[in-house]
Amino acid sequence: MSAYTESAQFYDLIYQWKDYPKEAETLLELIESLRTTPARTLLDVACGTGAHLVHLQKHFECVGVDISEGLLEVARKKLPTLPFYEGDMRTFNLERRFDVVTCLFSAIGYMQNLEELRTATANMARHVAPGGLLIIEPWFHPGQFQHGALHGRLMVDLPDIKIARMNVSLVEGDHSIMDMHHLVLTRDGGKHFVERHVMSLFPPEMYLEALTAAGLQAQHDPEGLGRGLFIGTAS
């Protein structure tokens, strides 16, 4: 089940600070540097509202998959010519392969243990064409996530809508836990809701092991889009 339930309709407003054009440009440069032949097709797993695909569609024939029907509803309105499918990254099957498969914005962190990480990675790898790439953007690694940190920010400050979000960052074992409190105010009134995000703090070697176990040649770009990237190349 997606962690984005009530916030799906506000997702693009909340993350308007994110530099999707720059990230797409960085991905394009990376793909061009690693591919021996031009890539034509791209699958974005956990595509959300399709914000990366807005820019990547200029260079690839794109397809999106996400577990959240609410986020996909936004994506389909934004990009009506692209195919989007509802599916879990561990089990979806599009019965085709792509030159590039991406899983960005740390969505892989929602895998709750090593078994789920391996399962999702293997399933995505099955959708990679020979010579293709699987690019995964990780969540934080152990020791990078500060237990007890308080966060609060006015995420949206527009004339007709204000959205504040705050949470306490918690660490329990090898998981980060964030109960995201949202306060949404419009001219019709205000409402408050909470969405829980439980994400695994996998160490780098687990991502590399999962890619290798999936039959890919694994490497780690520690910079990537900010949190690094784990890259698997299909033989």
C-alpha atoms as a PDB file:
ATOM      1  CA  MET A   1       0.000   0.000   0.000  1.00  0.00           C
ATOM      2  CA  SER A   2       1.262   3.469  -0.862  1.00  0.00           C
ATOM      3  CA  ALA A   3       2.227   5.862   1.924  1.00  0.00           C
ATOM      4  CA  TYR A   4       0.782   8.682  -0.192  1.00  0.00           C
ATOM      5  CA  THR A   5      -2.941   8.568   0.342  1.00  0.00           C
ATOM      6  CA  GLU A   6      -4.436  11.974   1.114  1.00  0.00           C
ATOM      7  CA  SER A   7      -1.341  13.887  -0.021  1.00  0.00           C
ATOM      8  CA  ALA A   8      -1.349  12.516  -3.593  1.00  0.00           C
ATOM      9  CA  GLN A   9      -3.408  15.433  -4.874  1.00  0.00           C
ATOM     10  CA  PHE A  10      -0.910  17.874  -3.332  1.00  0.00           C
ATOM     11  CA  TYR A  11       2.271  15.953  -4.214  1.00  0.00           C
ATOM     12  CA  ASP A  12       3.499  18.227  -7.000  1.00  0.00           C
ATOM     13  CA  LEU A  13       2.899  21.326  -4.887  1.00  0.00           C
ATOM     14  CA  ILE A  14       4.735  19.865  -1.889  1.00  0.00           C
ATOM     15  CA  TYR A  15       7.750  18.844  -3.982  1.00  0.00           C
ATOM     16  CA  GLN A  16       7.885  21.921  -6.199  1.00  0.00           C
ATOM     17  CA  TRP A  17      11.337  22.625  -4.701  1.00  0.00           C
ATOM     18  CA  LYS A  18      12.805  19.507  -6.339  1.00  0.00           C
ATOM     19  CA  ASP A  19      14.894  20.215  -9.460  1.00  0.00           C
ATOM     20  CA  TYR A  20      13.468  17.563 -11.764  1.00  0.00           C
ATOM     21  CA  PRO A  21      14.934  19.108 -14.962  1.00  0.00           C
ATOM     22  CA  LYS A  22      18.449  19.001 -13.503  1.00  0.00           C
ATOM     23  CA  GLU A  23      18.005  15.440 -12.259  1.00  0.00           C
ATOM     24  CA  ALA A  24      16.759  14.322 -15.671  1.00  0.00           C
ATOM     25  CA  GLU A  25      19.772  15.977 -17.280  1.00  0.00           C
ATOM     26  CA  THR A  26      22.125  14.177 -14.875  1.00  0.00           C
ATOM     27  CA  LEU A  27      20.429  10.853 -15.608  1.00  0.00           C
ATOM     28  CA  LEU A  28      20.675  11.426 -19.345  1.00  0.00           C
ATOM     29  CA  GLU A  29      24.400  12.145 -19.092  1.00  0.00           C
ATOM     30  CA  LEU A  30      24.897   9.024 -16.975  1.00  0.00           C
ATOM     31  CA  ILE A  31      22.960   6.813 -19.372  1.00  0.00           C
ATOM     32  CA  GLU A  32      24.873   8.142 -22.370  1.00  0.00           C
ATOM     33  CA  SER A  33      28.190   7.532 -20.584  1.00  0.00           C
ATOM     34  CA  LEU A  34      27.365   3.910 -19.705  1.00  0.00           C
ATOM     35  CA  ARG A  35      25.552   2.738 -22.828  1.00  0.00           C
ATOM     36  CA  THR A  36      27.531   1.522 -25.826  1.00  0.00           C
ATOM     37  CA  THR A  37      24.474   2.058 -28.042  1.00  0.00           C
ATOM     38  CA  PRO A  38      21.747   4.730 -27.714  1.00  0.00           C
ATOM     39  CA  ALA A  39      18.910   3.899 -25.344  1.00  0.00           C
ATOM     40  CA  ARG A  40      15.427   4.165 -26.824  1.00  0.00           C
ATOM     41  CA  THR A  41      13.015   2.926 -24.131  1.00  0.00           C
ATOM     42  CA  LEU A  42      12.759   3.760 -20.411  1.00  0.00           C
ATOM     43  CA  LEU A  43      10.618   2.399 -17.586  1.00  0.00           C
ATOM     44  CA  ASP A  44      10.284   4.479 -14.420  1.00  0.00           C
ATOM     45  CA  VAL A  45       9.315   2.288 -11.451  1.00  0.00           C
ATOM     46  CA  ALA A  46       7.642   4.138  -8.555  1.00  0.00           C
ATOM     47  CA  CYS A  47       7.116   6.981 -11.019  1.00  0.00           C
ATOM     48  CA  GLY A  48       4.784   8.909  -8.710  1.00  0.00           C
ATOM     49  CA  THR A  49       3.156  11.808 -10.558  1.00  0.00           C
ATOM     50  CA  GLY A  50       5.524  11.411 -13.510  1.00  0.00           C
ATOM     51  CA  ALA A  51       7.625  14.468 -12.671  1.00  0.00           C
ATOM     52  CA  HIS A  52      10.860  12.897 -13.969  1.00  0.00           C
ATOM     53  CA  LEU A  53       9.078  11.558 -17.050  1.00  0.00           C
ATOM     54  CA  VAL A  54       7.991  15.065 -18.039  1.00  0.00           C
ATOM     55  CA  HIS A  55      11.623  15.640 -18.971  1.00  0.00           C
ATOM     56  CA  LEU A  56      12.802  12.113 -19.820  1.00  0.00           C
ATOM     57  CA  GLN A  57      10.044  11.654 -22.412  1.00  0.00           C
ATOM     58  CA  LYS A  58      11.920  14.111 -24.629  1.00  0.00           C
ATOM     59  CA  HIS A  59      14.685  11.518 -25.027  1.00  0.00           C
ATOM     60  CA  PHE A  60      13.018   8.115 -24.556  1.00  0.00           C
ATOM     61  CA  GLU A  61       9.846   6.172 -25.196  1.00  0.00           C
ATOM     62  CA  CYS A  62       8.672   6.181 -21.563  1.00  0.00           C
ATOM     63  CA  VAL A  63       6.413   4.019 -19.393  1.00  0.00           C
ATOM     64  CA  GLY A  64       5.570   4.494 -15.710  1.00  0.00           C
ATOM     65  CA  VAL A  65       4.622   2.089 -12.908  1.00  0.00           C
ATOM     66  CA  ASP A  66       3.535   3.005  -9.378  1.00  0.00           C
ATOM     67  CA  ILE A  67       1.706   1.366  -6.500  1.00  0.00           C
ATOM     68  CA  SER A  68      -0.378   4.476  -5.783  1.00  0.00           C
ATOM     69  CA  GLU A  69      -3.459   4.955  -7.923  1.00  0.00           C
ATOM     70  CA  GLY A  70      -3.780   8.473  -6.498  1.00  0.00           C
ATOM     71  CA  LEU A  71      -0.334   9.476  -7.774  1.00  0.00           C
ATOM     72  CA  LEU A  72      -0.971   7.759 -11.110  1.00  0.00           C
ATOM     73  CA  GLU A  73      -4.196   9.720 -11.533  1.00  0.00           C
ATOM     74  CA  VAL A  74      -2.139  12.918 -11.395  1.00  0.00           C
ATOM     75  CA  ALA A  75       0.485  11.468 -13.763  1.00  0.00           C
ATOM     76  CA  ARG A  76      -2.103  10.471 -16.361  1.00  0.00           C
ATOM     77  CA  LYS A  77      -3.600  13.957 -16.392  1.00  0.00           C
ATOM     78  CA  LYS A  78      -0.141  15.499 -16.704  1.00  0.00           C
ATOM     79  CA  LEU A  79       1.121  13.110 -19.390  1.00  0.00           C
ATOM     80  CA  PRO A  80      -1.942  11.740 -21.194  1.00  0.00           C
ATOM     81  CA  THR A  81       0.062  10.210 -24.054  1.00  0.00           C
ATOM     82  CA  LEU A  82       2.243   8.012 -21.827  1.00  0.00           C
ATOM     83  CA  PRO A  83       1.205   4.568 -20.545  1.00  0.00           C
ATOM     84  CA  PHE A  84       1.018   4.230 -16.759  1.00  0.00           C
ATOM     85  CA  TYR A  85       0.369   1.023 -14.843  1.00  0.00           C
ATOM     86  CA  GLU A  86      -0.524   0.369 -11.220  1.00  0.00           C
ATOM     87  CA  GLY A  87       1.839  -2.172  -9.738  1.00  0.00           C
ATOM     88  CA  ASP A  88       4.075  -3.159  -6.832  1.00  0.00           C
ATOM     89  CA  MET A  89       7.790  -2.980  -7.675  1.00  0.00           C
ATOM     90  CA  ARG A  90       8.199  -6.496  -6.278  1.00  0.00           C
ATOM     91  CA  THR A  91       5.592  -8.151  -8.471  1.00  0.00           C
ATOM     92  CA  PHE A  92       4.584  -6.038 -11.501  1.00  0.00           C
ATOM     93  CA  ASN A  93       5.019  -7.682 -14.910  1.00  0.00           C
ATOM     94  CA  LEU A  94       4.776  -5.665 -18.113  1.00  0.00           C
ATOM     95  CA  GLU A  95       5.929  -8.608 -20.244  1.00  0.00           C
ATOM     96  CA  ARG A  96       8.528  -6.516 -22.041  1.00  0.00           C
ATOM     97  CA  ARG A  97      12.049  -5.183 -21.515  1.00  0.00           C
ATOM     98  CA  PHE A  98      13.477  -1.685 -21.599  1.00  0.00           C
ATOM     99  CA  ASP A  99      16.853  -0.161 -22.396  1.00  0.00           C
ATOM    100  CA  VAL A 100      16.747   1.713 -19.085  1.00  0.00           C
ATOM    101  CA  VAL A 101      14.782   1.016 -15.891  1.00  0.00           C
ATOM    102  CA  THR A 102      14.856   3.647 -13.143  1.00  0.00           C
ATOM    103  CA  CYS A 103      13.648   3.650  -9.525  1.00  0.00           C
ATOM    104  CA  LEU A 104      14.174   7.168  -8.194  1.00  0.00           C
ATOM    105  CA  PHE A 105      13.544   9.507  -5.253  1.00  0.00           C
ATOM    106  CA  SER A 106      14.480   6.757  -2.761  1.00  0.00           C
ATOM    107  CA  ALA A 107      11.321   4.726  -3.389  1.00  0.00           C
ATOM    108  CA  ILE A 108      13.366   1.547  -2.934  1.00  0.00           C
ATOM    109  CA  GLY A 109      13.547   2.416   0.778  1.00  0.00           C
ATOM    110  CA  TYR A 110       9.950   1.266   1.187  1.00  0.00           C
ATOM    111  CA  MET A 111      11.191  -2.307   0.870  1.00  0.00           C
ATOM    112  CA  GLN A 112      11.046  -3.437   4.491  1.00  0.00           C
ATOM    113  CA  ASN A 113      13.880  -5.969   4.574  1.00  0.00           C
ATOM    114  CA  LEU A 114      16.680  -7.508   2.530  1.00  0.00           C
ATOM    115  CA  GLU A 115      14.377 -10.141   1.053  1.00  0.00           C
ATOM    116  CA  GLU A 116      12.023  -7.471  -0.298  1.00  0.00           C
ATOM    117  CA  LEU A 117      14.996  -5.468  -1.614  1.00  0.00           C
ATOM    118  CA  ARG A 118      16.269  -8.526  -3.473  1.00  0.00           C
ATOM    119  CA  THR A 119      12.796  -9.369  -4.785  1.00  0.00           C
ATOM    120  CA  ALA A 120      12.143  -5.856  -6.093  1.00  0.00           C
ATOM    121  CA  THR A 121      15.604  -5.564  -7.627  1.00  0.00           C
ATOM    122  CA  ALA A 122      15.275  -8.936  -9.350  1.00  0.00           C
ATOM    123  CA  ASN A 123      11.834  -8.046 -10.681  1.00  0.00           C
ATOM    124  CA  MET A 124      13.051  -4.733 -12.082  1.00  0.00           C
ATOM    125  CA  ALA A 125      16.105  -6.478 -13.550  1.00  0.00           C
ATOM    126  CA  ARG A 126      13.791  -8.856 -15.430  1.00  0.00           C
ATOM    127  CA  HIS A 127      12.494  -5.797 -17.273  1.00  0.00           C
ATOM    128  CA  VAL A 128      15.970  -4.698 -18.414  1.00  0.00           C
ATOM    129  CA  ALA A 129      16.941  -5.510 -22.001  1.00  0.00           C
ATOM    130  CA  PRO A 130      20.358  -7.038 -22.784  1.00  0.00           C
ATOM    131  CA  GLY A 131      22.984  -4.312 -22.447  1.00  0.00           C
ATOM    132  CA  GLY A 132      20.473  -2.172 -20.555  1.00  0.00           C
ATOM    133  CA  LEU A 133      20.685  -0.349 -17.227  1.00  0.00           C
ATOM    134  CA  LEU A 134      18.862  -0.502 -13.912  1.00  0.00           C
ATOM    135  CA  ILE A 135      19.355   2.739 -11.973  1.00  0.00           C
ATOM    136  CA  ILE A 136      18.259   2.863  -8.313  1.00  0.00           C
ATOM    137  CA  GLU A 137      18.373   5.949  -6.103  1.00  0.00           C
ATOM    138  CA  PRO A 138      18.726   4.779  -2.473  1.00  0.00           C
ATOM    139  CA  TRP A 139      17.252   6.040   0.761  1.00  0.00           C
ATOM    140  CA  PHE A 140      19.654   7.013   3.529  1.00  0.00           C
ATOM    141  CA  HIS A 141      22.219   4.492   4.745  1.00  0.00           C
ATOM    142  CA  PRO A 142      22.639   3.525   8.437  1.00  0.00           C
ATOM    143  CA  GLY A 143      24.100   6.395  10.431  1.00  0.00           C
ATOM    144  CA  GLN A 144      22.919   9.058   7.960  1.00  0.00           C
ATOM    145  CA  PHE A 145      19.419   9.461   9.407  1.00  0.00           C
ATOM    146  CA  GLN A 146      19.263  11.537  12.597  1.00  0.00           C
ATOM    147  CA  HIS A 147      17.052  10.043  15.287  1.00  0.00           C
ATOM    148  CA  GLY A 148      14.882  12.575  17.114  1.00  0.00           C
ATOM    149  CA  ALA A 149      15.350  15.417  14.610  1.00  0.00           C
ATOM    150  CA  LEU A 150      12.343  17.738  14.324  1.00  0.00           C
ATOM    151  CA  HIS A 151      11.368  19.052  10.900  1.00  0.00           C
ATOM    152  CA  GLY A 152       8.783  21.662  10.033  1.00  0.00           C
ATOM    153  CA  ARG A 153       8.246  23.738   6.922  1.00  0.00           C
ATOM    154  CA  LEU A 154       5.621  25.709   5.047  1.00  0.00           C
ATOM    155  CA  MET A 155       5.844  23.649   1.863  1.00  0.00           C
ATOM    156  CA  VAL A 156       3.265  25.576  -0.145  1.00  0.00           C
ATOM    157  CA  ASP A 157       2.585  29.289   0.216  1.00  0.00           C
ATOM    158  CA  LEU A 158       0.222  30.314  -2.584  1.00  0.00           C
ATOM    159  CA  PRO A 159      -2.696  32.775  -2.491  1.00  0.00           C
ATOM    160  CA  ASP A 160      -5.315  30.011  -2.600  1.00  0.00           C
ATOM    161  CA  ILE A 161      -3.583  27.241  -0.643  1.00  0.00           C
ATOM    162  CA  LYS A 162      -1.121  26.860   2.226  1.00  0.00           C
ATOM    163  CA  ILE A 163       0.425  23.511   3.180  1.00  0.00           C
ATOM    164  CA  ALA A 164       2.620  23.010   6.237  1.00  0.00           C
ATOM    165  CA  ARG A 165       4.367  19.709   6.933  1.00  0.00           C
ATOM    166  CA  MET A 166       6.217  18.557  10.022  1.00  0.00           C
ATOM    167  CA  ASN A 167       7.515  15.379  11.585  1.00  0.00           C
ATOM    168  CA  VAL A 168       9.888  13.843  14.113  1.00  0.00           C
ATOM    169  CA  SER A 169      12.491  11.586  12.491  1.00  0.00           C
ATOM    170  CA  LEU A 170      12.785   8.281  14.358  1.00  0.00           C
ATOM    171  CA  VAL A 171      15.087   5.293  13.958  1.00  0.00           C
ATOM    172  CA  GLU A 172      13.956   1.861  15.132  1.00  0.00           C
ATOM    173  CA  GLY A 173      16.441  -0.881  14.335  1.00  0.00           C
ATOM    174  CA  ASP A 174      17.280  -0.611  10.644  1.00  0.00           C
ATOM    175  CA  HIS A 175      14.215   1.482   9.777  1.00  0.00           C
ATOM    176  CA  SER A 176      13.528   5.196   9.656  1.00  0.00           C
ATOM    177  CA  ILE A 177      10.023   6.221  10.679  1.00  0.00           C
ATOM    178  CA  MET A 178       8.393   9.515   9.763  1.00  0.00           C
ATOM    179  CA  ASP A 179       4.836  10.391  10.721  1.00  0.00           C
ATOM    180  CA  MET A 180       4.275  13.291   8.348  1.00  0.00           C
ATOM    181  CA  HIS A 181       1.750  15.772   9.740  1.00  0.00           C
ATOM    182  CA  HIS A 182       0.121  17.876   7.022  1.00  0.00           C
ATOM    183  CA  LEU A 183      -1.939  20.995   7.596  1.00  0.00           C
ATOM    184  CA  VAL A 184      -3.764  22.137   4.460  1.00  0.00           C
ATOM    185  CA  LEU A 185      -5.569  25.465   4.398  1.00  0.00           C
ATOM    186  CA  THR A 186      -7.782  26.707   1.565  1.00  0.00           C
ATOM    187  CA  ARG A 187     -10.603  29.244   1.392  1.00  0.00           C
ATOM    188  CA  ASP A 188     -12.988  26.380   2.182  1.00  0.00           C
ATOM    189  CA  GLY A 189     -11.228  25.734   5.491  1.00  0.00           C
ATOM    190  CA  GLY A 190      -8.417  23.633   6.864  1.00  0.00           C
ATOM    191  CA  LYS A 191      -7.704  19.966   7.455  1.00  0.00           C
ATOM    192  CA  HIS A 192      -4.999  17.917   9.137  1.00  0.00           C
ATOM    193  CA  PHE A 193      -3.866  14.428   8.224  1.00  0.00           C
ATOM    194  CA  VAL A 194      -0.921  12.163   8.988  1.00  0.00           C
ATOM    195  CA  GLU A 195       0.888   9.764   6.644  1.00  0.00           C
ATOM    196  CA  ARG A 196       3.409   7.245   7.986  1.00  0.00           C
ATOM    197  CA  HIS A 197       6.590   6.484   6.037  1.00  0.00           C
ATOM    198  CA  VAL A 198       8.603   3.473   7.233  1.00  0.00           C
ATOM    199  CA  MET A 199      11.770   3.097   5.171  1.00  0.00           C
ATOM    200  CA  SER A 200      14.741   0.757   5.455  1.00  0.00           C
ATOM    201  CA  LEU A 201      18.247   2.065   6.088  1.00  0.00           C
ATOM    202  CA  PHE A 202      20.067  -0.367   3.813  1.00  0.00           C
ATOM    203  CA  PRO A 203      23.887  -0.158   3.738  1.00  0.00           C
ATOM    204  CA  PRO A 204      25.502   0.271   0.281  1.00  0.00           C
ATOM    205  CA  GLU A 205      26.698  -3.320   0.129  1.00  0.00           C
ATOM    206  CA  MET A 206      23.106  -4.583   0.291  1.00  0.00           C
ATOM    207  CA  TYR A 207      22.155  -2.671  -2.858  1.00  0.00           C
ATOM    208  CA  LEU A 208      25.242  -3.968  -4.645  1.00  0.00           C
ATOM    209  CA  GLU A 209      24.526  -7.522  -3.495  1.00  0.00           C
ATOM    210  CA  ALA A 210      20.909  -7.300  -4.672  1.00  0.00           C
ATOM    211  CA  LEU A 211      21.979  -6.076  -8.119  1.00  0.00           C
ATOM    212  CA  THR A 212      24.605  -8.819  -8.407  1.00  0.00           C
ATOM    213  CA  ALA A 213      22.127 -11.479  -7.267  1.00  0.00           C
ATOM    214  CA  ALA A 214      19.769 -10.252 -10.001  1.00  0.00           C
ATOM    215  CA  GLY A 215      22.436 -11.058 -12.591  1.00  0.00           C
ATOM    216  CA  LEU A 216      23.594  -7.499 -13.202  1.00  0.00           C
ATOM    217  CA  GLN A 217      27.054  -5.960 -13.116  1.00  0.00           C
ATOM    218  CA  ALA A 218      26.797  -3.590 -10.141  1.00  0.00           C
ATOM    219  CA  GLN A 219      28.418  -0.252  -9.433  1.00  0.00           C
ATOM    220  CA  HIS A 220      27.875   2.661  -7.042  1.00  0.00           C
ATOM    221  CA  ASP A 221      27.905   6.342  -7.936  1.00  0.00           C
ATOM    222  CA  PRO A 222      28.197   7.999  -4.486  1.00  0.00           C
ATOM    223  CA  GLU A 223      27.060  11.400  -5.794  1.00  0.00           C
ATOM    224  CA  GLY A 224      24.304  10.599  -8.275  1.00  0.00           C
ATOM    225  CA  LEU A 225      21.329  12.894  -7.734  1.00  0.00           C
ATOM    226  CA  GLY A 226      22.385  13.764  -4.192  1.00  0.00           C
ATOM    227  CA  ARG A 227      21.905  10.472  -2.335  1.00  0.00           C
ATOM    228  CA  GLY A 228      23.979   8.466  -4.801  1.00  0.00           C
ATOM    229  CA  LEU A 229      22.900   5.913  -7.383  1.00  0.00           C
ATOM    230  CA  PHE A 230      23.269   2.157  -7.638  1.00  0.00           C
ATOM    231  CA  ILE A 231      23.576   0.985 -11.217  1.00  0.00           C
ATOM    232  CA  GLY A 232      23.211  -2.501 -12.658  1.00  0.00           C
ATOM    233  CA  THR A 233      24.190  -3.340 -16.234  1.00  0.00           C
ATOM    234  CA  ALA A 234      22.645  -6.344 -17.955  1.00  0.00           C
ATOM    235  CA  SER A 235      25.001  -8.595 -19.900  1.00  0.00           C
END
